[in-house]
Amino acid sequence: MELTLFIKIGLPVSLGFIMLSMGLMLKLSDFKQVLRYPKAFLVGLSAQMLLVPLLALFLLQFFDLPPLLAVGLLVLSFSPGGTTSNLFSYLAKGDVALSIALTACASLITPFTLPFLTELALQFFMGENKDIVIPIGLTMKRLLIVTVVPVLIGMSIKLLKPVWAEAIQPVIHKLSILLFFTVIFSMIISQWEQMPRFLEQVGVITTLMIILAMLSGYVLAKSTGLTAKQVKTMTIEVGMQNGGMALIVTQGVLDNPTMSIVPVIYGLIMLVPISFYLFLVRNEASRAL
């Protein structure tokens, strides 16, 4: 099987299984967190959907990125809710229920917003003579198939067969993450000769976007009077983007390796500041004991 064919097949399959894994953890009662903590939820979702794209636009004013890379960065900023944000929230001893509610709701909203916002980004950076056209209807359909449908299937299994769902969820999650990173590694190999140039072009701006998004989530949570657990979750949820969902658009729909390199590099860099933050909060918690 050719590498490009493996990427095209493996990317949606891996993201679909990641979303299935999340669905297997969800219950309808989890969405009641939205009603129990409306302020935390609204602050978090607003920051994910509005603040992070504005941060990306702000940073693009200071970095002279080629149009394709600029669009790739914006597509990434339009894709909130990292696939492992719930795990990091749990490890940070944050509000896991809020994390799950934010990730799930963002995943249900994004298939409808991402295609339209991507078209606006293409028009803004590539002009009326752009040679890349995003099929909005097809993109929406693909995103629904690989995100919303697996979540609903997982929730149905959780409702009807809770014991079975609990047993298979860790296995599916591990396999999906393994497949996802295999696809990412394959994409890096396919662009290996250009990777140093891409890292030079987008390494700094993606790092800044992660750090500024995390700081924004932290400051917003503190300034709105959220609890200590909610502050941790907000920092992580706002800081992490769903690179897999961005790649479905840039690679799976638009078939543009250059545009796709931004979420790939972001996924590699993101682990460093998130892990550092996790180290800080766990170290602080251990000193408090």
C-alpha atoms as a PDB file:
ATOM      1  CA  MET A   1       0.000   0.000   0.000  1.00  0.00           C
ATOM      2  CA  GLU A   2       1.389   3.440  -0.958  1.00  0.00           C
ATOM      3  CA  LEU A   3       2.210   5.801   1.866  1.00  0.00           C
ATOM      4  CA  THR A   4      -0.258   8.450   0.674  1.00  0.00           C
ATOM      5  CA  LEU A   5      -3.058   5.869   0.488  1.00  0.00           C
ATOM      6  CA  PHE A   6      -2.265   4.697   4.025  1.00  0.00           C
ATOM      7  CA  ILE A   7      -2.446   8.308   5.238  1.00  0.00           C
ATOM      8  CA  LYS A   8      -5.771   8.937   3.499  1.00  0.00           C
ATOM      9  CA  ILE A   9      -7.310   5.794   4.984  1.00  0.00           C
ATOM     10  CA  GLY A  10      -5.556   5.774   8.360  1.00  0.00           C
ATOM     11  CA  LEU A  11      -6.278   9.401   9.262  1.00  0.00           C
ATOM     12  CA  PRO A  12     -10.100   9.258   9.302  1.00  0.00           C
ATOM     13  CA  VAL A  13     -10.087   5.740  10.745  1.00  0.00           C
ATOM     14  CA  SER A  14      -7.808   6.748  13.644  1.00  0.00           C
ATOM     15  CA  LEU A  15      -9.824   9.883  14.425  1.00  0.00           C
ATOM     16  CA  GLY A  16     -13.056   7.897  14.198  1.00  0.00           C
ATOM     17  CA  PHE A  17     -11.778   5.399  16.753  1.00  0.00           C
ATOM     18  CA  ILE A  18     -10.573   8.215  19.016  1.00  0.00           C
ATOM     19  CA  MET A  19     -14.073   9.704  18.959  1.00  0.00           C
ATOM     20  CA  LEU A  20     -15.607   6.254  19.506  1.00  0.00           C
ATOM     21  CA  SER A  21     -13.369   5.884  22.544  1.00  0.00           C
ATOM     22  CA  MET A  22     -14.632   9.214  23.895  1.00  0.00           C
ATOM     23  CA  GLY A  23     -18.234   8.173  23.255  1.00  0.00           C
ATOM     24  CA  LEU A  24     -17.683   4.992  25.252  1.00  0.00           C
ATOM     25  CA  MET A  25     -16.866   7.183  28.266  1.00  0.00           C
ATOM     26  CA  LEU A  26     -19.846   9.512  27.856  1.00  0.00           C
ATOM     27  CA  LYS A  27     -23.255   9.329  29.496  1.00  0.00           C
ATOM     28  CA  LEU A  28     -26.163  11.676  28.977  1.00  0.00           C
ATOM     29  CA  SER A  29     -25.638  12.811  32.560  1.00  0.00           C
ATOM     30  CA  ASP A  30     -22.205  14.141  31.571  1.00  0.00           C
ATOM     31  CA  PHE A  31     -23.900  16.865  29.561  1.00  0.00           C
ATOM     32  CA  LYS A  32     -25.691  17.983  32.717  1.00  0.00           C
ATOM     33  CA  GLN A  33     -22.368  19.533  33.682  1.00  0.00           C
ATOM     34  CA  VAL A  34     -23.299  22.291  31.257  1.00  0.00           C
ATOM     35  CA  LEU A  35     -26.346  23.068  33.410  1.00  0.00           C
ATOM     36  CA  ARG A  36     -24.539  22.565  36.718  1.00  0.00           C
ATOM     37  CA  TYR A  37     -21.624  24.839  35.824  1.00  0.00           C
ATOM     38  CA  PRO A  38     -22.911  27.111  33.030  1.00  0.00           C
ATOM     39  CA  LYS A  39     -20.349  29.844  33.675  1.00  0.00           C
ATOM     40  CA  ALA A  40     -17.356  27.510  33.422  1.00  0.00           C
ATOM     41  CA  PHE A  41     -18.765  25.847  30.326  1.00  0.00           C
ATOM     42  CA  LEU A  42     -19.600  29.102  28.523  1.00  0.00           C
ATOM     43  CA  VAL A  43     -16.231  30.653  29.366  1.00  0.00           C
ATOM     44  CA  GLY A  44     -14.414  27.551  28.123  1.00  0.00           C
ATOM     45  CA  LEU A  45     -16.401  27.097  24.915  1.00  0.00           C
ATOM     46  CA  SER A  46     -16.184  30.807  24.046  1.00  0.00           C
ATOM     47  CA  ALA A  47     -12.423  30.749  24.534  1.00  0.00           C
ATOM     48  CA  GLN A  48     -12.092  27.615  22.390  1.00  0.00           C
ATOM     49  CA  MET A  49     -14.295  28.813  19.536  1.00  0.00           C
ATOM     50  CA  LEU A  50     -13.468  32.546  19.496  1.00  0.00           C
ATOM     51  CA  LEU A  51     -10.342  33.422  21.445  1.00  0.00           C
ATOM     52  CA  VAL A  52      -7.958  30.843  19.956  1.00  0.00           C
ATOM     53  CA  PRO A  53      -8.734  31.822  16.312  1.00  0.00           C
ATOM     54  CA  LEU A  54      -8.244  35.472  17.280  1.00  0.00           C
ATOM     55  CA  LEU A  55      -4.879  34.552  18.817  1.00  0.00           C
ATOM     56  CA  ALA A  56      -3.889  32.822  15.565  1.00  0.00           C
ATOM     57  CA  LEU A  57      -4.874  35.910  13.537  1.00  0.00           C
ATOM     58  CA  PHE A  58      -2.951  38.117  15.971  1.00  0.00           C
ATOM     59  CA  LEU A  59       0.209  36.029  15.624  1.00  0.00           C
ATOM     60  CA  LEU A  60      -0.061  35.981  11.839  1.00  0.00           C
ATOM     61  CA  GLN A  61       0.362  39.771  11.889  1.00  0.00           C
ATOM     62  CA  PHE A  62       3.936  39.273  13.138  1.00  0.00           C
ATOM     63  CA  PHE A  63       4.958  36.225  11.072  1.00  0.00           C
ATOM     64  CA  ASP A  64       5.273  36.352   7.312  1.00  0.00           C
ATOM     65  CA  LEU A  65       3.969  32.866   6.614  1.00  0.00           C
ATOM     66  CA  PRO A  66       3.241  31.661   3.071  1.00  0.00           C
ATOM     67  CA  PRO A  67      -0.532  31.588   2.419  1.00  0.00           C
ATOM     68  CA  LEU A  68      -0.845  27.783   2.638  1.00  0.00           C
ATOM     69  CA  LEU A  69       0.858  27.645   6.031  1.00  0.00           C
ATOM     70  CA  ALA A  70      -1.218  30.592   7.292  1.00  0.00           C
ATOM     71  CA  VAL A  71      -4.423  28.806   6.293  1.00  0.00           C
ATOM     72  CA  GLY A  72      -3.142  25.639   7.968  1.00  0.00           C
ATOM     73  CA  LEU A  73      -2.608  27.536  11.216  1.00  0.00           C
ATOM     74  CA  LEU A  74      -6.112  28.993  11.079  1.00  0.00           C
ATOM     75  CA  VAL A  75      -7.718  25.632  10.305  1.00  0.00           C
ATOM     76  CA  LEU A  76      -5.947  24.288  13.376  1.00  0.00           C
ATOM     77  CA  SER A  77      -7.248  27.195  15.480  1.00  0.00           C
ATOM     78  CA  PHE A  78     -10.788  26.414  14.267  1.00  0.00           C
ATOM     79  CA  SER A  79     -10.465  22.846  15.650  1.00  0.00           C
ATOM     80  CA  PRO A  80     -10.840  22.993  19.470  1.00  0.00           C
ATOM     81  CA  GLY A  81     -10.688  20.166  21.956  1.00  0.00           C
ATOM     82  CA  GLY A  82      -7.543  18.073  21.737  1.00  0.00           C
ATOM     83  CA  THR A  83      -8.108  14.331  21.492  1.00  0.00           C
ATOM     84  CA  THR A  84      -6.175  13.696  24.725  1.00  0.00           C
ATOM     85  CA  SER A  85      -7.260  16.793  26.665  1.00  0.00           C
ATOM     86  CA  ASN A  86      -9.482  14.710  28.958  1.00  0.00           C
ATOM     87  CA  LEU A  87      -6.509  12.530  29.903  1.00  0.00           C
ATOM     88  CA  PHE A  88      -4.318  15.555  30.668  1.00  0.00           C
ATOM     89  CA  SER A  89      -7.133  17.125  32.710  1.00  0.00           C
ATOM     90  CA  TYR A  90      -7.377  13.918  34.717  1.00  0.00           C
ATOM     91  CA  LEU A  91      -3.601  13.768  35.273  1.00  0.00           C
ATOM     92  CA  ALA A  92      -3.611  17.427  36.368  1.00  0.00           C
ATOM     93  CA  LYS A  93      -6.390  16.640  38.866  1.00  0.00           C
ATOM     94  CA  GLY A  94      -8.671  19.079  37.079  1.00  0.00           C
ATOM     95  CA  ASP A  95     -12.430  18.989  36.553  1.00  0.00           C
ATOM     96  CA  VAL A  96     -12.660  15.945  34.277  1.00  0.00           C
ATOM     97  CA  ALA A  97     -16.454  16.175  33.901  1.00  0.00           C
ATOM     98  CA  LEU A  98     -16.120  19.754  32.625  1.00  0.00           C
ATOM     99  CA  SER A  99     -13.304  18.665  30.315  1.00  0.00           C
ATOM    100  CA  ILE A 100     -15.433  15.905  28.817  1.00  0.00           C
ATOM    101  CA  ALA A 101     -18.424  18.229  28.391  1.00  0.00           C
ATOM    102  CA  LEU A 102     -16.291  20.849  26.618  1.00  0.00           C
ATOM    103  CA  THR A 103     -14.579  18.332  24.352  1.00  0.00           C
ATOM    104  CA  ALA A 104     -17.828  16.586  23.461  1.00  0.00           C
ATOM    105  CA  CYS A 105     -19.745  19.788  22.718  1.00  0.00           C
ATOM    106  CA  ALA A 106     -16.879  21.271  20.706  1.00  0.00           C
ATOM    107  CA  SER A 107     -16.698  18.038  18.687  1.00  0.00           C
ATOM    108  CA  LEU A 108     -20.427  18.283  17.924  1.00  0.00           C
ATOM    109  CA  ILE A 109     -20.208  21.947  16.877  1.00  0.00           C
ATOM    110  CA  THR A 110     -16.973  21.955  14.855  1.00  0.00           C
ATOM    111  CA  PRO A 111     -18.180  19.834  11.881  1.00  0.00           C
ATOM    112  CA  PHE A 112     -20.634  22.641  11.115  1.00  0.00           C
ATOM    113  CA  THR A 113     -18.311  25.620  11.719  1.00  0.00           C
ATOM    114  CA  LEU A 114     -14.963  24.356  10.403  1.00  0.00           C
ATOM    115  CA  PRO A 115     -15.844  24.098   6.670  1.00  0.00           C
ATOM    116  CA  PHE A 116     -17.240  27.659   6.519  1.00  0.00           C
ATOM    117  CA  LEU A 117     -14.363  29.161   8.506  1.00  0.00           C
ATOM    118  CA  THR A 118     -11.825  27.327   6.329  1.00  0.00           C
ATOM    119  CA  GLU A 119     -13.429  28.807   3.198  1.00  0.00           C
ATOM    120  CA  LEU A 120     -13.136  32.293   4.740  1.00  0.00           C
ATOM    121  CA  ALA A 121      -9.459  31.657   5.545  1.00  0.00           C
ATOM    122  CA  LEU A 122      -8.798  30.510   1.978  1.00  0.00           C
ATOM    123  CA  GLN A 123     -10.457  33.613   0.560  1.00  0.00           C
ATOM    124  CA  PHE A 124      -8.596  35.926   2.945  1.00  0.00           C
ATOM    125  CA  PHE A 125      -5.088  34.552   2.380  1.00  0.00           C
ATOM    126  CA  MET A 126      -5.320  33.319  -1.209  1.00  0.00           C
ATOM    127  CA  GLY A 127      -7.719  35.831  -2.729  1.00  0.00           C
ATOM    128  CA  GLU A 128     -10.386  35.413  -5.353  1.00  0.00           C
ATOM    129  CA  ASN A 129      -7.940  33.657  -7.683  1.00  0.00           C
ATOM    130  CA  LYS A 130      -7.308  30.840  -5.219  1.00  0.00           C
ATOM    131  CA  ASP A 131      -6.912  27.446  -6.852  1.00  0.00           C
ATOM    132  CA  ILE A 132      -8.055  25.559  -3.732  1.00  0.00           C
ATOM    133  CA  VAL A 133     -11.783  25.178  -3.192  1.00  0.00           C
ATOM    134  CA  ILE A 134     -13.235  23.480  -0.132  1.00  0.00           C
ATOM    135  CA  PRO A 135     -16.434  21.501  -0.811  1.00  0.00           C
ATOM    136  CA  ILE A 136     -18.379  22.669   2.228  1.00  0.00           C
ATOM    137  CA  GLY A 137     -21.122  20.025   2.053  1.00  0.00           C
ATOM    138  CA  LEU A 138     -18.681  17.148   1.531  1.00  0.00           C
ATOM    139  CA  THR A 139     -16.377  18.428   4.281  1.00  0.00           C
ATOM    140  CA  MET A 140     -19.267  18.704   6.719  1.00  0.00           C
ATOM    141  CA  LYS A 141     -20.375  15.170   5.864  1.00  0.00           C
ATOM    142  CA  ARG A 142     -16.874  13.731   6.372  1.00  0.00           C
ATOM    143  CA  LEU A 143     -16.413  15.503   9.684  1.00  0.00           C
ATOM    144  CA  LEU A 144     -19.789  14.271  10.912  1.00  0.00           C
ATOM    145  CA  ILE A 145     -18.924  10.701   9.887  1.00  0.00           C
ATOM    146  CA  VAL A 146     -15.563  10.652  11.682  1.00  0.00           C
ATOM    147  CA  THR A 147     -16.549  12.659  14.778  1.00  0.00           C
ATOM    148  CA  VAL A 148     -20.239  12.846  15.642  1.00  0.00           C
ATOM    149  CA  VAL A 149     -21.308   9.386  14.413  1.00  0.00           C
ATOM    150  CA  PRO A 150     -18.601   7.480  16.386  1.00  0.00           C
ATOM    151  CA  VAL A 151     -19.428   9.484  19.538  1.00  0.00           C
ATOM    152  CA  LEU A 152     -23.111   8.594  19.207  1.00  0.00           C
ATOM    153  CA  ILE A 153     -22.255   4.924  18.600  1.00  0.00           C
ATOM    154  CA  GLY A 154     -20.005   4.899  21.673  1.00  0.00           C
ATOM    155  CA  MET A 155     -22.678   6.531  23.818  1.00  0.00           C
ATOM    156  CA  SER A 156     -25.241   3.985  22.626  1.00  0.00           C
ATOM    157  CA  ILE A 157     -22.941   1.111  23.584  1.00  0.00           C
ATOM    158  CA  LYS A 158     -22.280   2.775  26.952  1.00  0.00           C
ATOM    159  CA  LEU A 159     -26.035   3.056  27.540  1.00  0.00           C
ATOM    160  CA  LEU A 160     -26.967  -0.473  26.441  1.00  0.00           C
ATOM    161  CA  LYS A 161     -23.834  -2.424  27.438  1.00  0.00           C
ATOM    162  CA  PRO A 162     -22.040  -0.384  30.154  1.00  0.00           C
ATOM    163  CA  VAL A 163     -19.824  -3.240  31.374  1.00  0.00           C
ATOM    164  CA  TRP A 164     -18.716  -4.103  27.844  1.00  0.00           C
ATOM    165  CA  ALA A 165     -18.120  -0.422  27.058  1.00  0.00           C
ATOM    166  CA  GLU A 166     -15.892  -0.042  30.120  1.00  0.00           C
ATOM    167  CA  ALA A 167     -13.922  -3.129  29.124  1.00  0.00           C
ATOM    168  CA  ILE A 168     -13.247  -2.202  25.494  1.00  0.00           C
ATOM    169  CA  GLN A 169     -12.761   1.568  25.895  1.00  0.00           C
ATOM    170  CA  PRO A 170      -9.108   1.471  27.067  1.00  0.00           C
ATOM    171  CA  VAL A 171      -8.183  -0.955  24.287  1.00  0.00           C
ATOM    172  CA  ILE A 172      -9.843   1.125  21.563  1.00  0.00           C
ATOM    173  CA  HIS A 173      -8.297   4.310  22.950  1.00  0.00           C
ATOM    174  CA  LYS A 174      -4.755   2.891  22.933  1.00  0.00           C
ATOM    175  CA  LEU A 175      -5.130   1.419  19.443  1.00  0.00           C
ATOM    176  CA  SER A 176      -6.573   4.664  18.064  1.00  0.00           C
ATOM    177  CA  ILE A 177      -3.757   6.779  19.520  1.00  0.00           C
ATOM    178  CA  LEU A 178      -1.168   4.317  18.168  1.00  0.00           C
ATOM    179  CA  LEU A 179      -2.734   4.440  14.699  1.00  0.00           C
ATOM    180  CA  PHE A 180      -3.020   8.232  14.815  1.00  0.00           C
ATOM    181  CA  PHE A 181       0.657   8.720  15.646  1.00  0.00           C
ATOM    182  CA  THR A 182       1.606   6.152  13.005  1.00  0.00           C
ATOM    183  CA  VAL A 183      -0.248   8.288  10.456  1.00  0.00           C
ATOM    184  CA  ILE A 184       1.489  11.434  11.750  1.00  0.00           C
ATOM    185  CA  PHE A 185       4.861   9.681  11.490  1.00  0.00           C
ATOM    186  CA  SER A 186       3.999   8.640   7.925  1.00  0.00           C
ATOM    187  CA  MET A 187       3.181  12.247   7.037  1.00  0.00           C
ATOM    188  CA  ILE A 188       6.510  13.379   8.484  1.00  0.00           C
ATOM    189  CA  ILE A 189       8.325  10.767   6.380  1.00  0.00           C
ATOM    190  CA  SER A 190       6.494  11.882   3.237  1.00  0.00           C
ATOM    191  CA  GLN A 191       7.666  15.473   3.856  1.00  0.00           C
ATOM    192  CA  TRP A 192      11.027  14.609   5.429  1.00  0.00           C
ATOM    193  CA  GLU A 193      13.220  16.649   3.100  1.00  0.00           C
ATOM    194  CA  GLN A 194      11.181  19.807   3.717  1.00  0.00           C
ATOM    195  CA  MET A 195      10.727  19.321   7.476  1.00  0.00           C
ATOM    196  CA  PRO A 196      13.670  21.557   8.537  1.00  0.00           C
ATOM    197  CA  ARG A 197      12.244  24.403   6.446  1.00  0.00           C
ATOM    198  CA  PHE A 198       8.726  23.866   7.799  1.00  0.00           C
ATOM    199  CA  LEU A 199      10.015  23.754  11.378  1.00  0.00           C
ATOM    200  CA  GLU A 200      11.862  27.015  10.785  1.00  0.00           C
ATOM    201  CA  GLN A 201       8.725  28.599   9.334  1.00  0.00           C
ATOM    202  CA  VAL A 202       6.043  27.450  11.796  1.00  0.00           C
ATOM    203  CA  GLY A 203       7.862  26.092  14.849  1.00  0.00           C
ATOM    204  CA  VAL A 204       7.956  29.408  16.703  1.00  0.00           C
ATOM    205  CA  ILE A 205       4.431  30.545  15.824  1.00  0.00           C
ATOM    206  CA  THR A 206       2.838  27.222  16.812  1.00  0.00           C
ATOM    207  CA  THR A 207       4.751  27.222  20.093  1.00  0.00           C
ATOM    208  CA  LEU A 208       3.576  30.759  20.831  1.00  0.00           C
ATOM    209  CA  MET A 209      -0.015  29.855  19.970  1.00  0.00           C
ATOM    210  CA  ILE A 210       0.021  26.948  22.424  1.00  0.00           C
ATOM    211  CA  ILE A 211       1.547  28.997  25.239  1.00  0.00           C
ATOM    212  CA  LEU A 212      -0.691  32.042  24.685  1.00  0.00           C
ATOM    213  CA  ALA A 213      -3.806  29.857  24.458  1.00  0.00           C
ATOM    214  CA  MET A 214      -2.918  28.132  27.738  1.00  0.00           C
ATOM    215  CA  LEU A 215      -2.208  31.472  29.430  1.00  0.00           C
ATOM    216  CA  SER A 216      -5.486  32.881  28.104  1.00  0.00           C
ATOM    217  CA  GLY A 217      -7.418  29.906  29.437  1.00  0.00           C
ATOM    218  CA  TYR A 218      -5.724  30.273  32.816  1.00  0.00           C
ATOM    219  CA  VAL A 219      -6.300  34.058  33.068  1.00  0.00           C
ATOM    220  CA  LEU A 220      -9.932  33.780  31.933  1.00  0.00           C
ATOM    221  CA  ALA A 221     -10.665  31.037  34.441  1.00  0.00           C
ATOM    222  CA  LYS A 222      -9.020  32.933  37.315  1.00  0.00           C
ATOM    223  CA  SER A 223     -10.621  36.271  36.441  1.00  0.00           C
ATOM    224  CA  THR A 224     -14.113  34.751  36.225  1.00  0.00           C
ATOM    225  CA  GLY A 225     -13.803  33.153  39.664  1.00  0.00           C
ATOM    226  CA  LEU A 226     -13.722  29.487  38.651  1.00  0.00           C
ATOM    227  CA  THR A 227     -12.556  26.805  41.081  1.00  0.00           C
ATOM    228  CA  ALA A 228      -8.968  25.564  41.198  1.00  0.00           C
ATOM    229  CA  LYS A 229      -9.937  22.346  39.399  1.00  0.00           C
ATOM    230  CA  GLN A 230     -11.785  24.280  36.707  1.00  0.00           C
ATOM    231  CA  VAL A 231      -8.773  26.571  36.225  1.00  0.00           C
ATOM    232  CA  LYS A 232      -6.584  23.542  35.480  1.00  0.00           C
ATOM    233  CA  THR A 233      -9.105  22.133  33.034  1.00  0.00           C
ATOM    234  CA  MET A 234      -9.612  25.498  31.310  1.00  0.00           C
ATOM    235  CA  THR A 235      -5.863  25.940  30.848  1.00  0.00           C
ATOM    236  CA  ILE A 236      -5.597  22.558  29.163  1.00  0.00           C
ATOM    237  CA  GLU A 237      -8.822  22.676  27.135  1.00  0.00           C
ATOM    238  CA  VAL A 238      -8.148  26.132  25.688  1.00  0.00           C
ATOM    239  CA  GLY A 239      -4.489  25.305  25.115  1.00  0.00           C
ATOM    240  CA  MET A 240      -5.014  22.079  23.184  1.00  0.00           C
ATOM    241  CA  GLN A 241      -6.293  21.941  19.614  1.00  0.00           C
ATOM    242  CA  ASN A 242      -7.653  18.918  17.738  1.00  0.00           C
ATOM    243  CA  GLY A 243      -4.898  18.315  15.209  1.00  0.00           C
ATOM    244  CA  GLY A 244      -6.650  15.218  13.909  1.00  0.00           C
ATOM    245  CA  MET A 245      -9.763  17.160  12.970  1.00  0.00           C
ATOM    246  CA  ALA A 246      -7.651  19.858  11.293  1.00  0.00           C
ATOM    247  CA  LEU A 247      -5.864  17.163   9.287  1.00  0.00           C
ATOM    248  CA  ILE A 248      -9.167  15.722   8.086  1.00  0.00           C
ATOM    249  CA  VAL A 249      -9.704  19.070   6.333  1.00  0.00           C
ATOM    250  CA  THR A 250      -6.162  19.918   5.198  1.00  0.00           C
ATOM    251  CA  GLN A 251      -5.117  16.390   4.194  1.00  0.00           C
ATOM    252  CA  GLY A 252      -8.302  14.351   3.878  1.00  0.00           C
ATOM    253  CA  VAL A 253     -10.414  16.929   2.009  1.00  0.00           C
ATOM    254  CA  LEU A 254      -8.011  19.470   0.503  1.00  0.00           C
ATOM    255  CA  ASP A 255      -5.189  16.933  -0.004  1.00  0.00           C
ATOM    256  CA  ASN A 256      -2.599  19.613   0.714  1.00  0.00           C
ATOM    257  CA  PRO A 257       0.598  18.324   2.390  1.00  0.00           C
ATOM    258  CA  THR A 258       1.997  21.835   2.876  1.00  0.00           C
ATOM    259  CA  MET A 259      -1.093  23.029   4.735  1.00  0.00           C
ATOM    260  CA  SER A 260      -1.144  19.801   6.744  1.00  0.00           C
ATOM    261  CA  ILE A 261       2.357  20.270   8.113  1.00  0.00           C
ATOM    262  CA  VAL A 262       1.111  22.925  10.573  1.00  0.00           C
ATOM    263  CA  PRO A 263      -1.134  20.586  12.625  1.00  0.00           C
ATOM    264  CA  VAL A 264       1.547  17.882  12.388  1.00  0.00           C
ATOM    265  CA  ILE A 265       4.241  20.124  13.872  1.00  0.00           C
ATOM    266  CA  TYR A 266       1.749  21.529  16.375  1.00  0.00           C
ATOM    267  CA  GLY A 267       0.974  18.004  17.574  1.00  0.00           C
ATOM    268  CA  LEU A 268       4.664  17.340  18.203  1.00  0.00           C
ATOM    269  CA  ILE A 269       5.382  20.657  19.944  1.00  0.00           C
ATOM    270  CA  MET A 270       2.158  20.729  21.973  1.00  0.00           C
ATOM    271  CA  LEU A 271       3.271  17.890  24.233  1.00  0.00           C
ATOM    272  CA  VAL A 272       6.132  19.977  25.667  1.00  0.00           C
ATOM    273  CA  PRO A 273       4.247  22.938  27.254  1.00  0.00           C
ATOM    274  CA  ILE A 274       1.289  20.734  28.227  1.00  0.00           C
ATOM    275  CA  SER A 275       3.614  18.244  29.945  1.00  0.00           C
ATOM    276  CA  PHE A 276       5.490  21.094  31.632  1.00  0.00           C
ATOM    277  CA  TYR A 277       2.216  22.518  32.959  1.00  0.00           C
ATOM    278  CA  LEU A 278       1.223  19.061  34.177  1.00  0.00           C
ATOM    279  CA  PHE A 279       4.558  18.795  36.004  1.00  0.00           C
ATOM    280  CA  LEU A 280       4.027  22.192  37.651  1.00  0.00           C
ATOM    281  CA  VAL A 281       0.500  21.529  38.937  1.00  0.00           C
ATOM    282  CA  ARG A 282       1.323  18.024  40.173  1.00  0.00           C
ATOM    283  CA  ASN A 283       4.474  19.286  41.886  1.00  0.00           C
ATOM    284  CA  GLU A 284       2.451  22.072  43.533  1.00  0.00           C
ATOM    285  CA  ALA A 285      -0.163  19.548  44.689  1.00  0.00           C
ATOM    286  CA  SER A 286       2.502  17.282  46.204  1.00  0.00           C
ATOM    287  CA  ARG A 287       4.023  20.208  48.147  1.00  0.00           C
ATOM    288  CA  ALA A 288       0.593  21.099  49.504  1.00  0.00           C
ATOM    289  CA  LEU A 289       0.217  17.640  51.093  1.00  0.00           C
END
